[in-house]
């Protein structure tokens, strides 16, 4: 009886520890809110929370796009540059596109500006995906190269200057861009609403669609997924395109909020996006992570950063605190997931070991646990 009791107690203790590790992002967010509410009475006011949520929306959009890539076992270092480039494209279009042949200047309407800017983000993602999936370039190298290419294009288009006055002209029909950054619906900022819509859509894609199952499978074990009939290359290209579109949307919201488009906007934001994904509990090895976790990670970073600003902490110490949070999150990820066994990815094609591996991949859920 004593041995049985001991085993039950060990299992309960293990389950409680596992629960704490799994809920670390949520617990960290609660701790941040409690601490800064105690340090500043203005921290938890409705207006301040909405302002902080607007800042979080930028990180969350980048983080959700990054999550799609990381679930596939890749990385996208170009999202910050894509954010800045998309903002510059929007500013360039709102300022007017000269058609020298006809001596005309075209002023696209706001929906056209938004669609073209998102299309630019998708194009950058498509190039990344083709380099990685079709030409087998390492994701780190391919996206690092695109980081410099896209940033360079933004600087060339603007000569390194910020594009100001994005309000447009009512007579030209290109007004309304500031609506994305300043307007609210039922008191909620537009950026936060867009973040919520994107989160819902991507959450449904990951949990309710065939593409989501393909993504988790290919990220968990690409070879086994390919043997199971998953279009691995198509999935890989698609996630980079999604990441590019998310970065473009974040760029539009940021440019609208600042009423200007800077070619240097989004500098180092790719690191913030990766941090949000890691803090949210996703595995950098691929195949494990959720949209909800990434949102929590983005809120942890945003609420922590704004809280440090409100209480007057130096910008240098802010970097130290945020870096420490990221390191702790990575350590907890290591404790939660451990190292992936080599046998799971070592089964060669055409051998008997391939079928069991394939079956195990098909039963992996968003958090990496078996569903059957």
Foldseek 3Di string as FASTA:
>chain_A
DVVVVVVVVVVVVVVVVLVCLLCVLVVLLVVLQVVLCVLDVPLPDPVNVLVLLLVLLLLLLLLLLQQLLLQLLAGAPQLLLLLQLLLLQLLVLCVWDADVVVRDTARDAQVVSLVVSLVSLLVLLLQLLCCCQVVVDHSVVSNVVSNVVSLVVSCVVVVQDKRAQSQHDVVNNHHDLLQQAPPDDVPHHNSSVVSVVVQVVVQCCLAPDPLNLLSLLSLVEVVLSVVVVRPSSVSSSVSSSSSSSSSSVSSSNVCSNVNMRGSCGSPVSSVSSVLLQLQLQADSSHNAGGSVSSSSSSSSLSSLLVSCVVSPHDPVVNVVVSVVSSVVSNVSSCVNPPDDDPLLHPDDPPDPSSVVSSVQSSQQGRHRDGPD
